[in-house]
């Protein structure tokens, strides 16, 4: 069960992002194409999908309308989700009665 949940957390947003990118490439171009005017615009979303998938997905959701006000909050929530997925088991040894190894 634990391994299945870990697989879902680590691969779920990456697989979803890759499928969404193939399904709606113009939305991704609209979100990331403004950064890089040349033909290499796809580097940022590709790195984002592999390194910070939740942040990238949140950015693609809010960026086409322009990032203002609470839009940055959604991107920050995505970043917190990414950071917590990488460091989620840091304090488990301190929990009384925890039997995991």
PDB file of N, CA and C in Angstrom:
ATOM      1  N   UNK A   1       0.817  -1.184   0.000  1.00  0.00           N
ATOM      2  CA  UNK A   1       0.000   0.000   0.000  1.00  0.00           C
ATOM      3  C   UNK A   1       0.865   1.253   0.000  1.00  0.00           C
ATOM      4  N   UNK A   2       1.884   1.248   0.821  1.00  0.00           N
ATOM      5  CA  UNK A   2       2.762   2.411   0.909  1.00  0.00           C
ATOM      6  C   UNK A   2       3.480   2.647  -0.420  1.00  0.00           C
ATOM      7  N   UNK A   3       3.946   1.588  -1.046  1.00  0.00           N
ATOM      8  CA  UNK A   3       4.660   1.731  -2.319  1.00  0.00           C
ATOM      9  C   UNK A   3       3.725   2.216  -3.423  1.00  0.00           C
ATOM     10  N   UNK A   4       2.479   1.746  -3.394  1.00  0.00           N
ATOM     11  CA  UNK A   4       1.505   2.203  -4.382  1.00  0.00           C
ATOM     12  C   UNK A   4       1.195   3.677  -4.228  1.00  0.00           C
ATOM     13  N   UNK A   5       1.054   4.130  -2.988  1.00  0.00           N
ATOM     14  CA  UNK A   5       0.808   5.552  -2.735  1.00  0.00           C
ATOM     15  C   UNK A   5       2.002   6.393  -3.163  1.00  0.00           C
ATOM     16  N   UNK A   6       3.199   5.925  -2.853  1.00  0.00           N
ATOM     17  CA  UNK A   6       4.407   6.636  -3.249  1.00  0.00           C
ATOM     18  C   UNK A   6       4.517   6.733  -4.763  1.00  0.00           C
ATOM     19  N   UNK A   7       4.188   5.648  -5.456  1.00  0.00           N
ATOM     20  CA  UNK A   7       4.222   5.650  -6.914  1.00  0.00           C
ATOM     21  C   UNK A   7       3.207   6.637  -7.479  1.00  0.00           C
ATOM     22  N   UNK A   8       2.024   6.683  -6.880  1.00  0.00           N
ATOM     23  CA  UNK A   8       1.002   7.624  -7.327  1.00  0.00           C
ATOM     24  C   UNK A   8       1.431   9.064  -7.110  1.00  0.00           C
ATOM     25  N   UNK A   9       2.028   9.353  -5.957  1.00  0.00           N
ATOM     26  CA  UNK A   9       2.457  10.721  -5.651  1.00  0.00           C
ATOM     27  C   UNK A   9       3.606  11.154  -6.561  1.00  0.00           C
ATOM     28  N   UNK A  10       4.544  10.264  -6.810  1.00  0.00           N
ATOM     29  CA  UNK A  10       5.707  10.633  -7.604  1.00  0.00           C
ATOM     30  C   UNK A  10       5.441  10.616  -9.110  1.00  0.00           C
ATOM     31  N   UNK A  11       4.689   9.650  -9.591  1.00  0.00           N
ATOM     32  CA  UNK A  11       4.472   9.543 -11.030  1.00  0.00           C
ATOM     33  C   UNK A  11       3.160  10.153 -11.497  1.00  0.00           C
ATOM     34  N   UNK A  12       2.178  10.270 -10.623  1.00  0.00           N
ATOM     35  CA  UNK A  12       0.868  10.774 -11.005  1.00  0.00           C
ATOM     36  C   UNK A  12       0.886  12.131 -11.688  1.00  0.00           C
ATOM     37  N   UNK A  13       1.454  13.161 -11.067  1.00  0.00           N
ATOM     38  CA  UNK A  13       1.437  14.472 -11.727  1.00  0.00           C
ATOM     39  C   UNK A  13       2.325  14.519 -12.971  1.00  0.00           C
ATOM     40  N   UNK A  14       3.357  13.719 -13.013  1.00  0.00           N
ATOM     41  CA  UNK A  14       4.224  13.703 -14.194  1.00  0.00           C
ATOM     42  C   UNK A  14       3.507  13.077 -15.388  1.00  0.00           C
ATOM     43  N   UNK A  15       2.838  11.975 -15.157  1.00  0.00           N
ATOM     44  CA  UNK A  15       2.088  11.321 -16.234  1.00  0.00           C
ATOM     45  C   UNK A  15       0.931  12.209 -16.685  1.00  0.00           C
ATOM     46  N   UNK A  16       0.204  12.788 -15.725  1.00  0.00           N
ATOM     47  CA  UNK A  16      -0.897  13.683 -16.067  1.00  0.00           C
ATOM     48  C   UNK A  16      -0.398  14.887 -16.862  1.00  0.00           C
ATOM     49  N   UNK A  17       0.721  15.481 -16.426  1.00  0.00           N
ATOM     50  CA  UNK A  17       1.270  16.633 -17.149  1.00  0.00           C
ATOM     51  C   UNK A  17       1.692  16.285 -18.563  1.00  0.00           C
ATOM     52  N   UNK A  18       2.314  15.128 -18.737  1.00  0.00           N
ATOM     53  CA  UNK A  18       2.736  14.716 -20.081  1.00  0.00           C
ATOM     54  C   UNK A  18       1.530  14.477 -20.991  1.00  0.00           C
ATOM     55  N   UNK A  19       0.493  13.843 -20.459  1.00  0.00           N
ATOM     56  CA  UNK A  19      -0.708  13.607 -21.268  1.00  0.00           C
ATOM     57  C   UNK A  19      -1.408  14.918 -21.591  1.00  0.00           C
ATOM     58  N   UNK A  20      -1.482  15.821 -20.605  1.00  0.00           N
ATOM     59  CA  UNK A  20      -2.118  17.122 -20.836  1.00  0.00           C
ATOM     60  C   UNK A  20      -1.350  17.925 -21.875  1.00  0.00           C
ATOM     61  N   UNK A  21      -0.013  17.840 -21.821  1.00  0.00           N
ATOM     62  CA  UNK A  21       0.812  18.547 -22.790  1.00  0.00           C
ATOM     63  C   UNK A  21       0.550  18.025 -24.204  1.00  0.00           C
ATOM     64  N   UNK A  22       0.391  16.727 -24.347  1.00  0.00           N
ATOM     65  CA  UNK A  22       0.080  16.152 -25.656  1.00  0.00           C
ATOM     66  C   UNK A  22      -1.347  16.480 -26.088  1.00  0.00           C
ATOM     67  N   UNK A  23      -2.264  16.568 -25.133  1.00  0.00           N
ATOM     68  CA  UNK A  23      -3.667  16.812 -25.440  1.00  0.00           C
ATOM     69  C   UNK A  23      -3.925  18.268 -25.793  1.00  0.00           C
ATOM     70  N   UNK A  24      -3.317  19.200 -25.062  1.00  0.00           N
ATOM     71  CA  UNK A  24      -3.524  20.634 -25.302  1.00  0.00           C
ATOM     72  C   UNK A  24      -2.178  21.357 -25.399  1.00  0.00           C
ATOM     73  N   UNK A  25      -1.446  21.161 -26.478  1.00  0.00           N
ATOM     74  CA  UNK A  25      -0.116  21.789 -26.567  1.00  0.00           C
ATOM     75  C   UNK A  25      -0.162  23.313 -26.652  1.00  0.00           C
ATOM     76  N   UNK A  26      -1.248  23.868 -27.167  1.00  0.00           N
ATOM     77  CA  UNK A  26      -1.312  25.322 -27.296  1.00  0.00           C
ATOM     78  C   UNK A  26      -1.478  26.013 -25.944  1.00  0.00           C
ATOM     79  N   UNK A  27      -2.111  25.339 -24.995  1.00  0.00           N
ATOM     80  CA  UNK A  27      -2.208  25.914 -23.646  1.00  0.00           C
ATOM     81  C   UNK A  27      -0.823  25.996 -23.029  1.00  0.00           C
ATOM     82  N   UNK A  28      -0.024  24.954 -23.233  1.00  0.00           N
ATOM     83  CA  UNK A  28       1.339  24.944 -22.695  1.00  0.00           C
ATOM     84  C   UNK A  28       2.205  25.968 -23.420  1.00  0.00           C
ATOM     85  N   UNK A  29       2.004  26.109 -24.717  1.00  0.00           N
ATOM     86  CA  UNK A  29       2.744  27.130 -25.472  1.00  0.00           C
ATOM     87  C   UNK A  29       2.351  28.523 -25.003  1.00  0.00           C
ATOM     88  N   UNK A  30       1.075  28.711 -24.699  1.00  0.00           N
ATOM     89  CA  UNK A  30       0.624  30.009 -24.209  1.00  0.00           C
ATOM     90  C   UNK A  30       1.209  30.310 -22.834  1.00  0.00           C
ATOM     91  N   UNK A  31       1.354  29.287 -21.994  1.00  0.00           N
ATOM     92  CA  UNK A  31       1.889  29.498 -20.647  1.00  0.00           C
ATOM     93  C   UNK A  31       3.395  29.709 -20.669  1.00  0.00           C
ATOM     94  N   UNK A  32       4.120  28.952 -21.469  1.00  0.00           N
ATOM     95  CA  UNK A  32       5.580  29.005 -21.442  1.00  0.00           C
ATOM     96  C   UNK A  32       6.207  29.668 -22.662  1.00  0.00           C
ATOM     97  N   UNK A  33       5.452  29.853 -23.722  1.00  0.00           N
ATOM     98  CA  UNK A  33       6.010  30.430 -24.947  1.00  0.00           C
ATOM     99  C   UNK A  33       6.418  31.879 -24.806  1.00  0.00           C
ATOM    100  N   UNK A  34       5.806  32.598 -23.858  1.00  0.00           N
ATOM    101  CA  UNK A  34       6.146  34.012 -23.664  1.00  0.00           C
ATOM    102  C   UNK A  34       7.517  34.187 -23.044  1.00  0.00           C
ATOM    103  N   UNK A  35       7.996  33.174 -22.320  1.00  0.00           N
ATOM    104  CA  UNK A  35       9.316  33.261 -21.694  1.00  0.00           C
ATOM    105  C   UNK A  35      10.415  33.178 -22.725  1.00  0.00           C
ATOM    106  N   UNK A  36      10.223  32.302 -23.673  1.00  0.00           N
ATOM    107  CA  UNK A  36      11.300  31.955 -24.590  1.00  0.00           C
ATOM    108  C   UNK A  36      10.765  32.126 -25.998  1.00  0.00           C
ATOM    109  N   UNK A  37      11.186  33.159 -26.683  1.00  0.00           N
ATOM    110  CA  UNK A  37      10.639  33.458 -27.991  1.00  0.00           C
ATOM    111  C   UNK A  37      11.064  32.505 -29.088  1.00  0.00           C
ATOM    112  N   UNK A  38      12.144  31.772 -28.874  1.00  0.00           N
ATOM    113  CA  UNK A  38      12.652  30.878 -29.914  1.00  0.00           C
ATOM    114  C   UNK A  38      11.935  29.542 -29.947  1.00  0.00           C
ATOM    115  N   UNK A  39      12.522  28.601 -30.652  1.00  0.00           N
ATOM    116  CA  UNK A  39      11.927  27.287 -30.790  1.00  0.00           C
ATOM    117  C   UNK A  39      12.208  26.366 -29.626  1.00  0.00           C
ATOM    118  N   UNK A  40      12.914  26.830 -28.606  1.00  0.00           N
ATOM    119  CA  UNK A  40      13.251  25.988 -27.469  1.00  0.00           C
ATOM    120  C   UNK A  40      12.354  26.253 -26.261  1.00  0.00           C
ATOM    121  N   UNK A  41      11.129  26.693 -26.492  1.00  0.00           N
ATOM    122  CA  UNK A  41      10.216  27.008 -25.400  1.00  0.00           C
ATOM    123  C   UNK A  41       9.877  25.781 -24.562  1.00  0.00           C
ATOM    124  N   UNK A  42       9.996  24.609 -25.129  1.00  0.00           N
ATOM    125  CA  UNK A  42       9.590  23.377 -24.460  1.00  0.00           C
ATOM    126  C   UNK A  42      10.549  22.936 -23.357  1.00  0.00           C
ATOM    127  N   UNK A  43      11.712  23.563 -23.231  1.00  0.00           N
ATOM    128  CA  UNK A  43      12.687  23.153 -22.208  1.00  0.00           C
ATOM    129  C   UNK A  43      12.135  23.400 -20.801  1.00  0.00           C
ATOM    130  N   UNK A  44      11.527  24.564 -20.544  1.00  0.00           N
ATOM    131  CA  UNK A  44      11.022  24.871 -19.204  1.00  0.00           C
ATOM    132  C   UNK A  44       9.904  23.937 -18.761  1.00  0.00           C
ATOM    133  N   UNK A  45       8.886  23.694 -19.593  1.00  0.00           N
ATOM    134  CA  UNK A  45       7.868  22.751 -19.123  1.00  0.00           C
ATOM    135  C   UNK A  45       8.382  21.321 -18.981  1.00  0.00           C
ATOM    136  N   UNK A  46       9.316  20.911 -19.826  1.00  0.00           N
ATOM    137  CA  UNK A  46       9.880  19.555 -19.699  1.00  0.00           C
ATOM    138  C   UNK A  46      10.645  19.419 -18.382  1.00  0.00           C
ATOM    139  N   UNK A  47      11.461  20.405 -18.049  1.00  0.00           N
ATOM    140  CA  UNK A  47      12.154  20.384 -16.756  1.00  0.00           C
ATOM    141  C   UNK A  47      11.165  20.461 -15.597  1.00  0.00           C
ATOM    142  N   UNK A  48      10.129  21.260 -15.768  1.00  0.00           N
ATOM    143  CA  UNK A  48       9.131  21.390 -14.718  1.00  0.00           C
ATOM    144  C   UNK A  48       8.393  20.089 -14.453  1.00  0.00           C
ATOM    145  N   UNK A  49       8.057  19.366 -15.502  1.00  0.00           N
ATOM    146  CA  UNK A  49       7.347  18.094 -15.332  1.00  0.00           C
ATOM    147  C   UNK A  49       8.211  17.088 -14.577  1.00  0.00           C
ATOM    148  N   UNK A  50       9.501  17.078 -14.823  1.00  0.00           N
ATOM    149  CA  UNK A  50      10.370  16.107 -14.166  1.00  0.00           C
ATOM    150  C   UNK A  50      10.809  16.543 -12.770  1.00  0.00           C
ATOM    151  N   UNK A  51      11.017  17.838 -12.546  1.00  0.00           N
ATOM    152  CA  UNK A  51      11.566  18.301 -11.279  1.00  0.00           C
ATOM    153  C   UNK A  51      10.476  18.804 -10.334  1.00  0.00           C
ATOM    154  N   UNK A  52       9.600  19.679 -10.796  1.00  0.00           N
ATOM    155  CA  UNK A  52       8.541  20.274  -9.966  1.00  0.00           C
ATOM    156  C   UNK A  52       7.182  20.118 -10.660  1.00  0.00           C
ATOM    157  N   UNK A  53       6.637  18.912 -10.674  1.00  0.00           N
ATOM    158  CA  UNK A  53       5.418  18.689 -11.474  1.00  0.00           C
ATOM    159  C   UNK A  53       4.185  19.426 -10.971  1.00  0.00           C
ATOM    160  N   UNK A  54       3.955  19.482  -9.658  1.00  0.00           N
ATOM    161  CA  UNK A  54       2.772  20.174  -9.150  1.00  0.00           C
ATOM    162  C   UNK A  54       2.846  21.671  -9.417  1.00  0.00           C
ATOM    163  N   UNK A  55       4.034  22.244  -9.259  1.00  0.00           N
ATOM    164  CA  UNK A  55       4.212  23.673  -9.537  1.00  0.00           C
ATOM    165  C   UNK A  55       3.964  23.952 -11.009  1.00  0.00           C
ATOM    166  N   UNK A  56       4.470  23.101 -11.870  1.00  0.00           N
ATOM    167  CA  UNK A  56       4.285  23.279 -13.306  1.00  0.00           C
ATOM    168  C   UNK A  56       2.821  23.182 -13.689  1.00  0.00           C
ATOM    169  N   UNK A  57       2.112  22.207 -13.127  1.00  0.00           N
ATOM    170  CA  UNK A  57       0.688  22.067 -13.436  1.00  0.00           C
ATOM    171  C   UNK A  57      -0.104  23.284 -12.962  1.00  0.00           C
ATOM    172  N   UNK A  58       0.195  23.768 -11.769  1.00  0.00           N
ATOM    173  CA  UNK A  58      -0.493  24.965 -11.281  1.00  0.00           C
ATOM    174  C   UNK A  58      -0.184  26.173 -12.159  1.00  0.00           C
ATOM    175  N   UNK A  59       1.064  26.281 -12.603  1.00  0.00           N
ATOM    176  CA  UNK A  59       1.437  27.402 -13.455  1.00  0.00           C
ATOM    177  C   UNK A  59       0.686  27.353 -14.782  1.00  0.00           C
ATOM    178  N   UNK A  60       0.567  26.170 -15.360  1.00  0.00           N
ATOM    179  CA  UNK A  60      -0.149  26.033 -16.629  1.00  0.00           C
ATOM    180  C   UNK A  60      -1.628  26.357 -16.449  1.00  0.00           C
ATOM    181  N   UNK A  61      -2.178  26.063 -15.283  1.00  0.00           N
ATOM    182  CA  UNK A  61      -3.587  26.367 -15.037  1.00  0.00           C
ATOM    183  C   UNK A  61      -3.814  27.873 -14.951  1.00  0.00           C
ATOM    184  N   UNK A  62      -2.939  28.608 -14.254  1.00  0.00           N
ATOM    185  CA  UNK A  62      -3.197  30.027 -14.000  1.00  0.00           C
ATOM    186  C   UNK A  62      -2.459  30.987 -14.932  1.00  0.00           C
ATOM    187  N   UNK A  63      -1.402  30.574 -15.581  1.00  0.00           N
ATOM    188  CA  UNK A  63      -0.569  31.510 -16.348  1.00  0.00           C
ATOM    189  C   UNK A  63      -1.206  32.056 -17.618  1.00  0.00           C
ATOM    190  N   UNK A  64      -1.984  31.302 -18.381  1.00  0.00           N
ATOM    191  CA  UNK A  64      -2.523  31.891 -19.619  1.00  0.00           C
ATOM    192  C   UNK A  64      -3.366  33.138 -19.403  1.00  0.00           C
ATOM    193  N   UNK A  65      -4.009  33.280 -18.248  1.00  0.00           N
ATOM    194  CA  UNK A  65      -4.793  34.486 -17.962  1.00  0.00           C
ATOM    195  C   UNK A  65      -3.934  35.603 -17.376  1.00  0.00           C
ATOM    196  N   UNK A  66      -2.672  35.327 -17.091  1.00  0.00           N
ATOM    197  CA  UNK A  66      -1.777  36.302 -16.477  1.00  0.00           C
ATOM    198  C   UNK A  66      -1.690  36.068 -14.981  1.00  0.00           C
ATOM    199  N   UNK A  67      -0.506  36.164 -14.448  1.00  0.00           N
ATOM    200  CA  UNK A  67      -0.291  35.917 -13.021  1.00  0.00           C
ATOM    201  C   UNK A  67      -0.454  37.215 -12.237  1.00  0.00           C
ATOM    202  N   UNK A  68      -1.554  37.306 -11.522  1.00  0.00           N
ATOM    203  CA  UNK A  68      -1.806  38.467 -10.682  1.00  0.00           C
ATOM    204  C   UNK A  68      -2.426  38.008  -9.374  1.00  0.00           C
ATOM    205  N   UNK A  69      -2.127  38.689  -8.309  1.00  0.00           N
ATOM    206  CA  UNK A  69      -2.773  38.465  -7.021  1.00  0.00           C
ATOM    207  C   UNK A  69      -2.689  37.043  -6.502  1.00  0.00           C
ATOM    208  N   UNK A  70      -3.865  36.419  -6.352  1.00  0.00           N
ATOM    209  CA  UNK A  70      -3.941  35.088  -5.764  1.00  0.00           C
ATOM    210  C   UNK A  70      -3.414  33.991  -6.680  1.00  0.00           C
ATOM    211  N   UNK A  71      -3.141  34.291  -7.931  1.00  0.00           N
ATOM    212  CA  UNK A  71      -2.559  33.289  -8.824  1.00  0.00           C
ATOM    213  C   UNK A  71      -1.200  32.827  -8.307  1.00  0.00           C
ATOM    214  N   UNK A  72      -0.452  33.743  -7.729  1.00  0.00           N
ATOM    215  CA  UNK A  72       0.845  33.368  -7.159  1.00  0.00           C
ATOM    216  C   UNK A  72       0.672  32.441  -5.966  1.00  0.00           C
ATOM    217  N   UNK A  73      -0.436  32.579  -5.246  1.00  0.00           N
ATOM    218  CA  UNK A  73      -0.720  31.684  -4.130  1.00  0.00           C
ATOM    219  C   UNK A  73      -0.892  30.246  -4.630  1.00  0.00           C
ATOM    220  N   UNK A  74      -1.591  30.051  -5.748  1.00  0.00           N
ATOM    221  CA  UNK A  74      -1.772  28.710  -6.301  1.00  0.00           C
ATOM    222  C   UNK A  74      -0.451  28.098  -6.735  1.00  0.00           C
ATOM    223  N   UNK A  75       0.403  28.913  -7.337  1.00  0.00           N
ATOM    224  CA  UNK A  75       1.725  28.416  -7.731  1.00  0.00           C
ATOM    225  C   UNK A  75       2.541  28.052  -6.495  1.00  0.00           C
ATOM    226  N   UNK A  76       2.426  28.842  -5.424  1.00  0.00           N
ATOM    227  CA  UNK A  76       3.137  28.543  -4.173  1.00  0.00           C
ATOM    228  C   UNK A  76       2.608  27.263  -3.533  1.00  0.00           C
ATOM    229  N   UNK A  77       1.302  27.021  -3.613  1.00  0.00           N
ATOM    230  CA  UNK A  77       0.741  25.774  -3.094  1.00  0.00           C
ATOM    231  C   UNK A  77       1.290  24.585  -3.878  1.00  0.00           C
ATOM    232  N   UNK A  78       1.423  24.729  -5.186  1.00  0.00           N
ATOM    233  CA  UNK A  78       2.035  23.676  -5.993  1.00  0.00           C
ATOM    234  C   UNK A  78       3.477  23.428  -5.594  1.00  0.00           C
ATOM    235  N   UNK A  79       4.212  24.495  -5.312  1.00  0.00           N
ATOM    236  CA  UNK A  79       5.600  24.349  -4.868  1.00  0.00           C
ATOM    237  C   UNK A  79       5.673  23.639  -3.521  1.00  0.00           C
ATOM    238  N   UNK A  80       4.782  23.986  -2.607  1.00  0.00           N
ATOM    239  CA  UNK A  80       4.747  23.299  -1.312  1.00  0.00           C
ATOM    240  C   UNK A  80       4.409  21.816  -1.474  1.00  0.00           C
ATOM    241  N   UNK A  81       3.527  21.499  -2.408  1.00  0.00           N
ATOM    242  CA  UNK A  81       3.201  20.091  -2.669  1.00  0.00           C
ATOM    243  C   UNK A  81       4.424  19.349  -3.205  1.00  0.00           C
ATOM    244  N   UNK A  82       5.193  19.996  -4.083  1.00  0.00           N
ATOM    245  CA  UNK A  82       6.412  19.367  -4.598  1.00  0.00           C
ATOM    246  C   UNK A  82       7.438  19.153  -3.498  1.00  0.00           C
ATOM    247  N   UNK A  83       7.651  20.181  -2.691  1.00  0.00           N
ATOM    248  CA  UNK A  83       8.638  20.060  -1.624  1.00  0.00           C
ATOM    249  C   UNK A  83       8.230  19.022  -0.590  1.00  0.00           C
ATOM    250  N   UNK A  84       6.936  18.941  -0.292  1.00  0.00           N
ATOM    251  CA  UNK A  84       6.494  17.941   0.684  1.00  0.00           C
ATOM    252  C   UNK A  84       6.569  16.529   0.124  1.00  0.00           C
ATOM    253  N   UNK A  85       6.422  16.371  -1.188  1.00  0.00           N
ATOM    254  CA  UNK A  85       6.551  15.026  -1.749  1.00  0.00           C
ATOM    255  C   UNK A  85       8.002  14.562  -1.740  1.00  0.00           C
ATOM    256  N   UNK A  86       8.946  15.498  -1.810  1.00  0.00           N
ATOM    257  CA  UNK A  86      10.357  15.114  -1.753  1.00  0.00           C
ATOM    258  C   UNK A  86      10.829  14.883  -0.324  1.00  0.00           C
ATOM    259  N   UNK A  87      10.303  15.617   0.632  1.00  0.00           N
ATOM    260  CA  UNK A  87      10.786  15.503   2.006  1.00  0.00           C
ATOM    261  C   UNK A  87       9.719  15.034   2.970  1.00  0.00           C
ATOM    262  N   UNK A  88       8.768  14.239   2.511  1.00  0.00           N
ATOM    263  CA  UNK A  88       7.624  13.845   3.319  1.00  0.00           C
ATOM    264  C   UNK A  88       7.943  12.962   4.506  1.00  0.00           C
ATOM    265  N   UNK A  89       8.989  12.161   4.469  1.00  0.00           N
ATOM    266  CA  UNK A  89       9.251  11.233   5.558  1.00  0.00           C
ATOM    267  C   UNK A  89      10.356  11.657   6.490  1.00  0.00           C
ATOM    268  N   UNK A  90      10.656  12.942   6.546  1.00  0.00           N
ATOM    269  CA  UNK A  90      11.802  13.420   7.317  1.00  0.00           C
ATOM    270  C   UNK A  90      11.631  13.197   8.815  1.00  0.00           C
ATOM    271  N   UNK A  91      10.460  13.466   9.367  1.00  0.00           N
ATOM    272  CA  UNK A  91      10.306  13.427  10.808  1.00  0.00           C
ATOM    273  C   UNK A  91       9.645  12.175  11.361  1.00  0.00           C
ATOM    274  N   UNK A  92       9.576  11.107  10.591  1.00  0.00           N
ATOM    275  CA  UNK A  92       8.866   9.910  11.042  1.00  0.00           C
ATOM    276  C   UNK A  92       9.529   9.235  12.227  1.00  0.00           C
ATOM    277  N   UNK A  93      10.811   9.298  12.337  1.00  0.00           N
ATOM    278  CA  UNK A  93      11.503   8.631  13.454  1.00  0.00           C
ATOM    279  C   UNK A  93      11.170   9.280  14.793  1.00  0.00           C
ATOM    280  N   UNK A  94      10.730  10.533  14.757  1.00  0.00           N
ATOM    281  CA  UNK A  94      10.412  11.236  15.999  1.00  0.00           C
ATOM    282  C   UNK A  94       9.003  10.944  16.499  1.00  0.00           C
ATOM    283  N   UNK A  95       8.182  10.277  15.707  1.00  0.00           N
ATOM    284  CA  UNK A  95       6.806   9.992  16.100  1.00  0.00           C
ATOM    285  C   UNK A  95       6.811   8.825  17.079  1.00  0.00           C
ATOM    286  N   UNK A  96       6.253   9.006  18.281  1.00  0.00           N
ATOM    287  CA  UNK A  96       6.232   7.910  19.249  1.00  0.00           C
ATOM    288  C   UNK A  96       5.413   6.730  18.747  1.00  0.00           C
ATOM    289  N   UNK A  97       5.985   5.538  18.840  1.00  0.00           N
ATOM    290  CA  UNK A  97       5.288   4.331  18.429  1.00  0.00           C
ATOM    291  C   UNK A  97       5.361   4.020  16.960  1.00  0.00           C
ATOM    292  N   UNK A  98       6.074   4.817  16.167  1.00  0.00           N
ATOM    293  CA  UNK A  98       6.200   4.552  14.747  1.00  0.00           C
ATOM    294  C   UNK A  98       7.096   3.342  14.527  1.00  0.00           C
ATOM    295  N   UNK A  99       6.601   2.348  13.801  1.00  0.00           N
ATOM    296  CA  UNK A  99       7.331   1.098  13.630  1.00  0.00           C
ATOM    297  C   UNK A  99       7.988   0.965  12.263  1.00  0.00           C
ATOM    298  N   UNK A 100       7.910   1.965  11.400  1.00  0.00           N
ATOM    299  CA  UNK A 100       8.492   1.866  10.060  1.00  0.00           C
ATOM    300  C   UNK A 100      10.007   1.878  10.088  1.00  0.00           C
ATOM    301  N   UNK A 101      10.596   1.279   9.067  1.00  0.00           N
ATOM    302  CA  UNK A 101      12.069   1.206   8.989  1.00  0.00           C
ATOM    303  C   UNK A 101      12.558   1.878   7.762  1.00  0.00           C
TER     304      UNK A 101
END
